[in-house]
Every structure is written in C-alpha cells, then in structure tokens.
Amino acid sequence: MNVVLALLCAALVAGLGSGLDLAATLSAFCDGLGDGANIALSYALLGAFAVAIARSGITEWLAGRIIVRLGGSPAPTQLRRIRTLVLTVLLAAAIMSQNLVPIHIAFIPILVPPLLEVMHQLKLDRRLAACVLTFGLITPYMVLPVGFGSIFLHTQLGPSMAKAGLALDKADLPIAMILPAAGMVLGLLLAFVRYRKPRDYQPVQLPGEEQHAPLSTRNVVVAATALAAALILQLYSDSIILGALVGFLVFTAGGVVPWKESQDAFTQGVKMMSLIGFIMIAANGYASVVQAGGQVPVLVEAVTSGLQSPPLAAALLLLLGLFVTLGIGSSFSTIPIIATLYVPLCVALGFSPLATAALVGSAAALGDAGSPASDSTLGPTAGLNADGQHDHIRDTVIPTFIHYNLPLMAAGWLAAMVL
C-alpha cells in the first residue's frame, strides 16, 4: 500500500479507535499537517537545487572521472577499492551532516544522484548504500553531543527525563547510549556481509540529464559559489529552504540554468522529491492524531501493568518505543512522549539512572531506522531513487529495519541490564 495512503488510514483508525469522532480526528490530522510543510518544501527546493547542480556538468564530470578509473575491465581489487571509496564518502558525509556540518539530509539529493552511475558500473547493491546512509544519519546523534547530537541528548533526552523526575548530568547521557550505538555498528557490519553480492541496475538516467552543460571554468565557479552560498545561509539562518533557494538562484543568475529553462529545472526537481514531501506531511498529521487520542499512556499502562520483572519490562518498553516511533517517524519527537511514561516506571522497577536513560534513548531511536515516515529513511530513498530504481519500502525501509532496529533492541536491553 502506498505510504501516504497507509498513514491516512492509520490516522483514521487511531482517531476513531481512541474515542475521537470523525470530525475531531480530521481536525487533529489537519492541525498536524503544517508541521510537515517546512521539511516538504525544503525537499522540493533541494530537488531543484540538485537538478541545477547536475546541469552544471560537475556531477557528470565527477562520475565520469570515477568511471574512467574503473577502466574497460578493471581488476577485482580495483573494483573493491572504488566500491569502498564510494561507501566511505557516503558514510563520512552522513556522519558530518549530523555533527560537524549539521545539515542533516540536505546533502543527499546533491551528493547521491551523481554517484548512481558509478554504483551501476560497480554493480553496488543500493540496499547497502541505504544502510550506510541511515547509519550515518542516526548513530552519531545518539552518542556525540554536538550538532543534532546536542539536540537529542541535551535538549530532548536530558530535559525530558528531568521533567519526569530523574535528572542526569549532561556528561552521563552519551555514556548511557554507548552500548545502544554499538548495536547500530553491529547492524552496519552485518549489512556489509548481507549485501556484498553484485546487483544489476539499468543504465542511469536522471531528470534533466540530457540537458547537462559541458563542464567549463564558469560552471565550476558558479557551482562553487552556489554551494558555498547555500551552506553558509543554511548554517546562518538554520533554514534549508533559504539555502536551497539562494543556491538555485545563483545557478540561474550565473547562466548555468538559463532563465527560460528555470521553470523546467525547478519542476523536475520538485517531481523528484514530491513523494517524500507528501509522506512527511502525512506523517505529521498522523502523529498529531496519535497525540490527540491520548492512548499512548494507556498502551504503556496496559502492557506493563503488574510487571515485576525488570528484564521483561525493559524488553516490552523497547518494543513499545519501536511501535510509537515507527508511526511518528522521528526519535526527537518521540522522546518527550515516552520519557514521561517510562521514567516513573523504570524508577519503580529499580533501574539505575544510566539504565533508564539508555532505555528511553534506545526506545526513541528505535523506529527512526525502518520507519516509512522517517527522514532517516526518506532521505536515502530520495537520493538512491533519483532514477526510479530504488523502492522506498523494499530497498530502504525493510533493510534498515532488519539491520538496525533488531540489533538496537538487543543492545538497548543489554544496556538496561548492565548499567
């Protein structure tokens, strides 16, 4: 079933099943739609920006240089080396996007589509690329208290637990998340093993590819200016929309995208990213209905009522966190919801403060990978599906669910037991 339709149906079931009438359910859904509009418009503008970059000829040149190094019949060792290089670039970019240069998924529509032809030549399984990107988008914020990690640990996890009655020192929060993060590392290693075999794709054809300009000094200067302007403005204003907009306008003013063709380029970029935007909008509407229904506390109480076994309670709390985050699609949005419910229960069952932090943090992060509505899966799909050969559910959601949610559940449970 289409993800947008699934979210709409789930919102109706959640609202009507929780006792809201149809009008209240639709009202709550519509109230939440606006929360997803910002990211949806950001994706649309990033798609236009990515098409403009492609038309500059730089992306073709970059991919072409790597393909030339492959040669006519490259040796297996050379193939492995270039394959490792491509995956390392993706992993490094994803990690830096969380902490060093906190632009989150904004880099994916720009960096990944030009590399699709290289992946085609290497017969690289894009499911592995999706796992690499999702790992880099999630694991750093779990343990590194800078950039998005500072938001996750110091703005969300710590204050939410303190509000629920359990205060921890800021320095203790990364320690609590080390074991859960180790579970993510294990999942990544298993993905390298599982998706190591070659996988064939059709020759890559990206939107606007037939109109790419030959690489020239002017195009390089304009592209460098556009990229720098987009990055600086985004960091200064904390707005992906403004950065992508100015970057696209620089390409237009510089003549890389002629003014008469700017409408076509913009439309192609929006088409490339439109489904992702609609999913994000629908996901926020769904999350609004879930919160309005007020049934998450009832669910936790029903499942954990009467429990006296800490190991069983920890497993059930992690499982509940997985379901909540899978639907909402954001670990950052999930923390305030579950911390209020989990902290008193963990204290009553005798969990240490570090173990409680590990449980709450892991339960929130669970489902960020593997959720159809999470930007940590939507972002990789947006780049890897630029040519229409990467299915969001089969090639991103299911692989990341298997390789990250299952190890993270085990590692989060272990952390709750040993800390």
Protein backbone atom coordinates (compact mmCIF):
# COMPACT_ATOMS: atom_id res chain seq x y z
CA MET A 1 0.00 0.00 0.00
CA ASN A 2 1.26 3.49 -0.76
CA VAL A 3 2.87 5.04 2.33
CA VAL A 4 0.75 8.22 2.20
CA LEU A 5 -2.48 6.20 1.97
CA ALA A 6 -1.29 3.92 4.78
CA LEU A 7 -0.66 6.94 7.02
CA LEU A 8 -4.09 8.37 6.21
CA CYS A 9 -5.82 5.08 7.03
CA ALA A 10 -3.75 4.65 10.20
CA ALA A 11 -4.70 8.15 11.35
CA LEU A 12 -8.41 7.36 10.91
CA VAL A 13 -8.06 4.07 12.80
CA ALA A 14 -6.05 5.74 15.59
CA GLY A 15 -8.51 8.60 15.97
CA LEU A 16 -11.76 6.66 15.78
CA GLY A 17 -10.35 3.79 17.84
CA SER A 18 -9.28 6.16 20.62
CA GLY A 19 -12.76 7.60 21.01
CA LEU A 20 -12.49 10.71 18.85
CA ASP A 21 -15.31 11.29 16.40
CA LEU A 22 -14.63 11.68 12.68
CA ALA A 23 -14.65 15.48 12.80
CA ALA A 24 -12.19 15.60 15.71
CA THR A 25 -9.93 13.06 14.01
CA LEU A 26 -9.83 15.03 10.77
CA SER A 27 -9.30 18.26 12.69
CA ALA A 28 -6.33 16.81 14.59
CA PHE A 29 -4.90 15.42 11.35
CA CYS A 30 -5.21 18.78 9.57
CA ASP A 31 -3.71 20.61 12.55
CA GLY A 32 -0.60 18.45 12.27
CA LEU A 33 -0.12 18.86 8.53
CA GLY A 34 1.53 22.23 8.91
CA ASP A 35 4.35 20.73 10.97
CA GLY A 36 5.49 18.77 7.91
CA ALA A 37 5.20 21.63 5.44
CA ASN A 38 8.63 23.04 6.23
CA ILE A 39 10.51 19.82 5.51
CA ALA A 40 8.35 19.12 2.43
CA LEU A 41 9.18 22.50 0.90
CA SER A 42 12.81 22.01 1.89
CA TYR A 43 12.88 18.72 -0.03
CA ALA A 44 11.27 20.30 -3.08
CA LEU A 45 13.83 23.12 -3.19
CA LEU A 46 16.69 20.69 -2.59
CA GLY A 47 15.47 18.66 -5.56
CA ALA A 48 15.54 21.78 -7.74
CA PHE A 49 18.99 22.63 -6.40
CA ALA A 50 20.22 19.11 -7.20
CA VAL A 51 18.94 19.35 -10.80
CA ALA A 52 20.72 22.71 -11.17
CA ILE A 53 23.97 21.17 -9.93
CA ALA A 54 23.54 18.29 -12.39
CA ARG A 55 23.05 20.74 -15.27
CA SER A 56 26.33 22.45 -14.44
CA GLY A 57 28.16 19.35 -15.69
CA ILE A 58 30.07 18.88 -12.44
CA THR A 59 28.18 15.77 -11.44
CA GLU A 60 28.78 14.14 -14.82
CA TRP A 61 32.46 15.04 -14.57
CA LEU A 62 32.71 13.59 -11.06
CA ALA A 63 31.01 10.35 -12.01
CA GLY A 64 32.95 10.20 -15.27
CA ARG A 65 36.32 10.51 -13.53
CA ILE A 66 35.50 7.59 -11.26
CA ILE A 67 34.19 5.52 -14.19
CA VAL A 68 37.38 6.23 -16.16
CA ARG A 69 39.39 4.91 -13.24
CA LEU A 70 37.33 1.74 -13.44
CA GLY A 71 38.66 1.18 -16.94
CA GLY A 72 37.34 -1.25 -19.52
CA SER A 73 37.94 -4.40 -17.49
CA PRO A 74 39.01 -3.35 -14.00
CA ALA A 75 40.72 -5.83 -11.72
CA PRO A 76 38.68 -7.15 -8.76
CA THR A 77 40.98 -5.36 -6.33
CA GLN A 78 40.36 -2.05 -8.12
CA LEU A 79 36.61 -2.60 -8.03
CA ARG A 80 36.75 -3.29 -4.29
CA ARG A 81 38.86 -0.20 -3.72
CA ILE A 82 36.48 2.12 -5.58
CA ARG A 83 33.46 0.45 -4.00
CA THR A 84 34.99 1.06 -0.58
CA LEU A 85 35.74 4.66 -1.55
CA VAL A 86 32.14 5.35 -2.62
CA LEU A 87 30.69 3.85 0.57
CA THR A 88 33.25 5.69 2.72
CA VAL A 89 32.29 9.00 1.10
CA LEU A 90 28.60 8.34 1.78
CA LEU A 91 29.26 7.33 5.39
CA ALA A 92 31.55 10.30 6.10
CA ALA A 93 29.09 12.76 4.57
CA ALA A 94 26.19 11.33 6.59
CA ILE A 95 28.14 11.46 9.87
CA MET A 96 29.36 15.01 9.25
CA SER A 97 25.80 16.09 8.38
CA GLN A 98 24.77 15.31 11.96
CA ASN A 99 27.62 16.78 13.95
CA LEU A 100 30.36 18.66 12.08
CA VAL A 101 28.20 20.48 9.49
CA PRO A 102 24.66 19.93 10.80
CA ILE A 103 22.70 19.96 7.54
CA HIS A 104 21.06 16.57 8.18
CA ILE A 105 19.69 15.03 4.96
CA ALA A 106 20.21 18.14 2.82
CA PHE A 107 23.37 16.69 1.26
CA ILE A 108 21.72 13.52 -0.08
CA PRO A 109 19.84 14.86 -3.15
CA ILE A 110 23.02 16.70 -4.11
CA LEU A 111 25.70 14.07 -3.50
CA VAL A 112 23.99 10.74 -4.19
CA PRO A 113 22.36 11.06 -7.67
CA PRO A 114 25.69 11.79 -9.43
CA LEU A 115 27.12 8.60 -7.92
CA LEU A 116 24.30 6.36 -9.18
CA GLU A 117 26.06 5.74 -12.49
CA VAL A 118 29.18 4.76 -10.57
CA MET A 119 27.12 2.37 -8.43
CA HIS A 120 25.67 0.95 -11.66
CA GLN A 121 29.16 0.31 -13.03
CA LEU A 122 30.24 -1.25 -9.73
CA LYS A 123 27.00 -3.29 -9.50
CA LEU A 124 26.75 -1.99 -5.95
CA ASP A 125 23.62 -3.10 -4.11
CA ARG A 126 21.83 0.15 -3.25
CA ARG A 127 20.33 -1.50 -0.18
CA LEU A 128 23.83 -1.40 1.29
CA ALA A 129 24.16 2.27 0.37
CA ALA A 130 20.81 2.93 2.10
CA CYS A 131 22.04 1.15 5.24
CA VAL A 132 25.29 3.14 5.21
CA LEU A 133 23.44 6.47 4.87
CA THR A 134 20.87 5.63 7.56
CA PHE A 135 23.62 4.55 9.96
CA GLY A 136 25.39 7.87 9.48
CA LEU A 137 22.14 9.80 9.97
CA ILE A 138 21.22 8.12 13.27
CA THR A 139 24.18 6.74 15.21
CA PRO A 140 26.19 9.99 15.59
CA TYR A 141 23.35 11.87 17.28
CA MET A 142 22.98 9.02 19.77
CA VAL A 143 26.46 9.42 21.25
CA LEU A 144 28.16 12.62 20.03
CA PRO A 145 26.82 15.66 21.94
CA VAL A 146 27.37 18.19 19.16
CA GLY A 147 25.10 19.31 16.33
CA PHE A 148 21.98 17.15 16.21
CA GLY A 149 23.53 15.04 18.95
CA SER A 150 23.35 18.03 21.27
CA ILE A 151 19.66 18.40 20.43
CA PHE A 152 18.94 14.69 21.00
CA LEU A 153 20.95 14.33 24.22
CA HIS A 154 20.95 17.77 25.85
CA THR A 155 17.77 19.40 24.54
CA GLN A 156 15.43 16.39 24.39
CA LEU A 157 16.62 13.36 26.38
CA GLY A 158 18.08 15.07 29.47
CA PRO A 159 15.36 17.73 29.99
CA SER A 160 12.53 15.26 29.24
CA MET A 161 13.86 12.86 31.88
CA ALA A 162 14.36 15.70 34.36
CA LYS A 163 10.77 16.85 33.81
CA ALA A 164 9.65 13.29 34.55
CA GLY A 165 11.56 13.34 37.86
CA LEU A 166 15.02 11.94 37.06
CA ALA A 167 17.87 14.39 36.42
CA LEU A 168 21.20 13.25 34.93
CA ASP A 169 24.43 15.10 34.37
CA LYS A 170 24.98 16.01 30.72
CA ALA A 171 28.23 14.04 30.65
CA ASP A 172 26.38 10.83 31.60
CA LEU A 173 23.96 10.89 28.68
CA PRO A 174 26.47 9.84 25.94
CA ILE A 175 27.76 7.10 28.26
CA ALA A 176 24.27 5.68 28.58
CA MET A 177 23.95 5.49 24.78
CA ILE A 178 27.32 3.84 24.01
CA LEU A 179 26.01 0.25 24.13
CA PRO A 180 22.91 1.03 22.02
CA ALA A 181 25.17 2.72 19.46
CA ALA A 182 27.35 -0.40 19.43
CA GLY A 183 24.26 -2.32 18.33
CA MET A 184 23.97 0.04 15.36
CA VAL A 185 27.61 -0.65 14.45
CA LEU A 186 26.94 -4.39 14.54
CA GLY A 187 23.95 -3.90 12.24
CA LEU A 188 26.09 -1.97 9.75
CA LEU A 189 28.72 -4.72 9.68
CA LEU A 190 26.01 -7.32 9.05
CA ALA A 191 24.66 -5.19 6.19
CA PHE A 192 28.10 -5.23 4.54
CA VAL A 193 28.00 -9.03 4.70
CA ARG A 194 24.40 -9.46 3.57
CA TYR A 195 24.50 -7.05 0.60
CA ARG A 196 28.03 -7.81 -0.60
CA LYS A 197 26.92 -9.58 -3.80
CA PRO A 198 26.69 -7.62 -7.09
CA ARG A 199 23.26 -6.34 -8.12
CA ASP A 200 22.36 -5.21 -11.63
CA TYR A 201 20.54 -1.97 -12.41
CA GLN A 202 19.51 -0.36 -15.67
CA PRO A 203 21.76 2.41 -17.06
CA VAL A 204 21.14 5.53 -15.01
CA GLN A 205 19.02 8.34 -16.48
CA LEU A 206 18.41 11.30 -14.18
CA PRO A 207 15.88 14.13 -14.63
CA GLY A 208 17.34 16.78 -16.91
CA GLU A 209 20.37 14.66 -17.75
CA GLU A 210 20.01 15.16 -21.47
CA GLN A 211 20.39 18.92 -20.93
CA HIS A 212 23.62 18.93 -18.94
CA ALA A 213 26.08 21.62 -19.93
CA PRO A 214 29.70 20.74 -20.69
CA LEU A 215 31.97 21.42 -17.76
CA SER A 216 33.62 24.84 -18.01
CA THR A 217 35.50 27.20 -15.74
CA ARG A 218 32.44 29.42 -15.47
CA ASN A 219 30.25 26.49 -14.44
CA VAL A 220 32.77 25.44 -11.80
CA VAL A 221 32.88 28.97 -10.35
CA VAL A 222 29.10 29.32 -10.37
CA ALA A 223 28.62 25.87 -8.80
CA ALA A 224 31.21 26.58 -6.08
CA THR A 225 29.54 29.93 -5.34
CA ALA A 226 26.08 28.35 -5.22
CA LEU A 227 27.18 25.55 -2.91
CA ALA A 228 29.02 27.94 -0.60
CA ALA A 229 26.09 30.35 -0.50
CA ALA A 230 23.62 27.54 0.22
CA LEU A 231 25.75 26.12 3.03
CA ILE A 232 26.55 29.47 4.67
CA LEU A 233 22.95 30.67 4.55
CA GLN A 234 21.64 27.40 5.93
CA LEU A 235 24.07 27.45 8.84
CA TYR A 236 23.40 31.15 9.48
CA SER A 237 19.63 31.05 9.22
CA ASP A 238 19.03 27.39 10.18
CA SER A 239 16.81 27.19 7.08
CA ILE A 240 17.27 24.58 4.36
CA ILE A 241 14.63 26.44 2.34
CA LEU A 242 16.61 29.68 2.21
CA GLY A 243 19.90 27.93 1.44
CA ALA A 244 18.48 25.84 -1.41
CA LEU A 245 16.54 28.80 -2.83
CA VAL A 246 19.59 31.07 -2.96
CA GLY A 247 21.71 28.24 -4.39
CA PHE A 248 19.21 27.70 -7.20
CA LEU A 249 19.03 31.45 -7.91
CA VAL A 250 22.84 31.63 -8.12
CA PHE A 251 22.80 28.90 -10.77
CA THR A 252 20.14 30.85 -12.66
CA ALA A 253 21.90 34.21 -12.38
CA GLY A 254 25.18 32.58 -13.42
CA GLY A 255 23.66 31.22 -16.62
CA VAL A 256 24.16 27.54 -15.78
CA VAL A 257 20.37 27.22 -15.74
CA PRO A 258 19.11 29.72 -18.36
CA TRP A 259 16.23 31.82 -17.12
CA LYS A 260 13.86 30.46 -19.77
CA GLU A 261 14.64 26.90 -18.59
CA SER A 262 14.49 27.60 -14.86
CA GLN A 263 10.81 26.64 -14.65
CA ASP A 264 11.52 23.26 -16.23
CA ALA A 265 14.52 22.62 -13.96
CA PHE A 266 12.55 23.57 -10.87
CA THR A 267 9.63 21.33 -11.87
CA GLN A 268 11.96 18.36 -12.46
CA GLY A 269 13.47 18.80 -9.02
CA VAL A 270 10.07 19.03 -7.34
CA LYS A 271 8.89 15.89 -9.15
CA MET A 272 11.96 14.02 -7.95
CA MET A 273 11.21 14.88 -4.30
CA SER A 274 7.42 15.29 -4.21
CA LEU A 275 6.52 11.85 -2.82
CA ILE A 276 8.98 12.27 0.05
CA GLY A 277 7.42 15.64 0.90
CA PHE A 278 3.87 14.27 0.91
CA ILE A 279 4.94 11.40 3.17
CA MET A 280 6.46 13.84 5.67
CA ILE A 281 3.31 15.99 5.66
CA ALA A 282 1.03 12.96 6.16
CA ALA A 283 3.30 11.59 8.91
CA ASN A 284 2.96 14.78 10.91
CA GLY A 285 -0.81 14.65 10.56
CA TYR A 286 -0.78 11.05 11.80
CA ALA A 287 1.43 11.96 14.77
CA SER A 288 -0.99 14.75 15.70
CA VAL A 289 -3.92 12.30 15.75
CA VAL A 290 -1.98 9.82 17.90
CA GLN A 291 -1.19 12.50 20.46
CA ALA A 292 -4.74 13.91 20.41
CA GLY A 293 -6.17 10.45 21.05
CA GLY A 294 -4.19 10.19 24.30
CA GLN A 295 -3.90 6.42 24.04
CA VAL A 296 -0.11 6.01 24.21
CA PRO A 297 -0.12 6.19 28.05
CA VAL A 298 -3.00 3.70 28.07
CA LEU A 299 -0.96 1.36 25.85
CA VAL A 300 2.08 1.54 28.11
CA GLU A 301 -0.04 1.01 31.22
CA ALA A 302 -1.86 -1.95 29.67
CA VAL A 303 1.35 -3.70 28.62
CA THR A 304 3.43 -3.03 31.73
CA SER A 305 0.73 -3.21 34.42
CA GLY A 306 1.69 -5.56 37.19
CA LEU A 307 5.15 -6.29 35.83
CA GLN A 308 7.73 -7.17 38.49
CA SER A 309 10.48 -8.48 36.21
CA PRO A 310 12.94 -5.76 35.10
CA PRO A 311 14.29 -7.80 32.13
CA LEU A 312 10.78 -8.40 30.77
CA ALA A 313 9.76 -4.80 31.45
CA ALA A 314 12.82 -3.49 29.59
CA ALA A 315 12.03 -5.66 26.57
CA LEU A 316 8.39 -4.54 26.49
CA LEU A 317 9.29 -0.86 26.87
CA LEU A 318 11.71 -1.10 23.95
CA LEU A 319 9.08 -2.86 21.86
CA LEU A 320 6.54 -0.14 22.63
CA GLY A 321 9.09 2.53 21.74
CA LEU A 322 9.65 0.80 18.41
CA PHE A 323 5.94 0.90 17.53
CA VAL A 324 5.48 4.52 18.63
CA THR A 325 8.50 5.81 16.68
CA LEU A 326 7.73 3.69 13.61
CA GLY A 327 4.45 5.53 13.26
CA ILE A 328 5.59 9.03 14.18
CA GLY A 329 8.87 8.68 12.28
CA SER A 330 11.02 10.91 14.50
CA SER A 331 13.05 9.95 17.55
CA PHE A 332 13.30 13.62 18.52
CA SER A 333 9.51 13.95 18.61
CA THR A 334 9.10 10.64 20.45
CA ILE A 335 11.35 11.38 23.45
CA PRO A 336 9.00 13.83 25.24
CA ILE A 337 6.10 11.39 24.79
CA ILE A 338 7.77 8.27 26.17
CA ALA A 339 10.04 9.85 28.81
CA THR A 340 7.01 10.99 30.80
CA LEU A 341 5.70 7.41 30.80
CA TYR A 342 8.93 5.41 31.05
CA VAL A 343 10.88 7.23 33.76
CA PRO A 344 8.46 6.65 36.70
CA LEU A 345 8.06 3.02 35.70
CA CYS A 346 11.84 2.48 35.43
CA VAL A 347 12.40 4.08 38.83
CA ALA A 348 9.72 1.88 40.38
CA LEU A 349 11.34 -1.24 38.90
CA GLY A 350 14.77 -0.29 40.28
CA PHE A 351 16.60 0.68 37.08
CA SER A 352 19.62 2.93 37.60
CA PRO A 353 19.59 6.46 36.13
CA LEU A 354 22.02 5.39 33.35
CA ALA A 355 19.93 2.32 32.57
CA THR A 356 16.79 4.46 32.43
CA ALA A 357 18.48 6.91 30.06
CA ALA A 358 19.61 4.01 27.87
CA LEU A 359 16.07 2.63 27.77
CA VAL A 360 14.43 5.96 26.94
CA GLY A 361 17.08 6.91 24.37
CA SER A 362 17.02 3.49 22.71
CA ALA A 363 13.22 3.32 22.69
CA ALA A 364 13.12 6.72 20.97
CA ALA A 365 15.82 5.88 18.41
CA LEU A 366 14.11 2.56 17.62
CA GLY A 367 11.97 3.03 14.57
CA ASP A 368 13.88 6.06 13.28
CA ALA A 369 15.51 3.47 11.05
CA GLY A 370 12.95 1.25 9.40
CA SER A 371 10.08 3.75 9.55
CA PRO A 372 8.45 4.60 6.20
CA ALA A 373 7.85 8.12 7.52
CA SER A 374 11.32 8.85 8.98
CA ASP A 375 13.61 11.33 7.26
CA SER A 376 16.46 8.90 8.05
CA THR A 377 14.90 6.52 5.50
CA LEU A 378 13.17 9.06 3.26
CA GLY A 379 16.44 10.94 2.72
CA PRO A 380 18.41 7.93 1.41
CA THR A 381 15.49 6.94 -0.80
CA ALA A 382 15.30 10.45 -2.25
CA GLY A 383 18.88 10.16 -3.48
CA LEU A 384 19.05 6.49 -4.41
CA ASN A 385 15.70 6.55 -6.25
CA ALA A 386 16.55 9.56 -8.41
CA ASP A 387 16.43 7.27 -11.46
CA GLY A 388 13.37 5.31 -10.27
CA GLN A 389 15.23 2.05 -9.47
CA HIS A 390 15.16 2.06 -5.67
CA ASP A 391 11.92 1.18 -3.87
CA HIS A 392 11.38 3.01 -0.59
CA ILE A 393 9.84 0.06 1.28
CA ARG A 394 11.71 -2.93 -0.14
CA ASP A 395 15.12 -1.32 -0.61
CA THR A 396 15.34 1.15 2.29
CA VAL A 397 12.72 0.55 4.98
CA ILE A 398 12.95 -3.24 5.28
CA PRO A 399 16.78 -3.47 5.14
CA THR A 400 17.26 -0.70 7.70
CA PHE A 401 14.57 -2.16 9.96
CA ILE A 402 16.29 -5.55 9.98
CA HIS A 403 19.85 -4.28 10.37
CA TYR A 404 19.29 -1.52 12.91
CA ASN A 405 16.09 -1.97 14.90
CA LEU A 406 16.74 -5.59 15.85
CA PRO A 407 20.38 -5.06 16.99
CA LEU A 408 19.39 -1.80 18.71
CA MET A 409 16.64 -3.57 20.67
CA ALA A 410 19.13 -6.19 21.84
CA ALA A 411 21.81 -3.63 22.68
CA GLY A 412 19.33 -1.33 24.45
CA TRP A 413 18.07 -4.23 26.54
CA LEU A 414 21.66 -5.21 27.41
CA ALA A 415 22.46 -1.62 28.42
CA ALA A 416 19.43 -1.56 30.72
CA MET A 417 20.63 -4.76 32.37
CA VAL A 418 24.32 -3.87 32.91
CA LEU A 419 24.30 -0.11 33.57
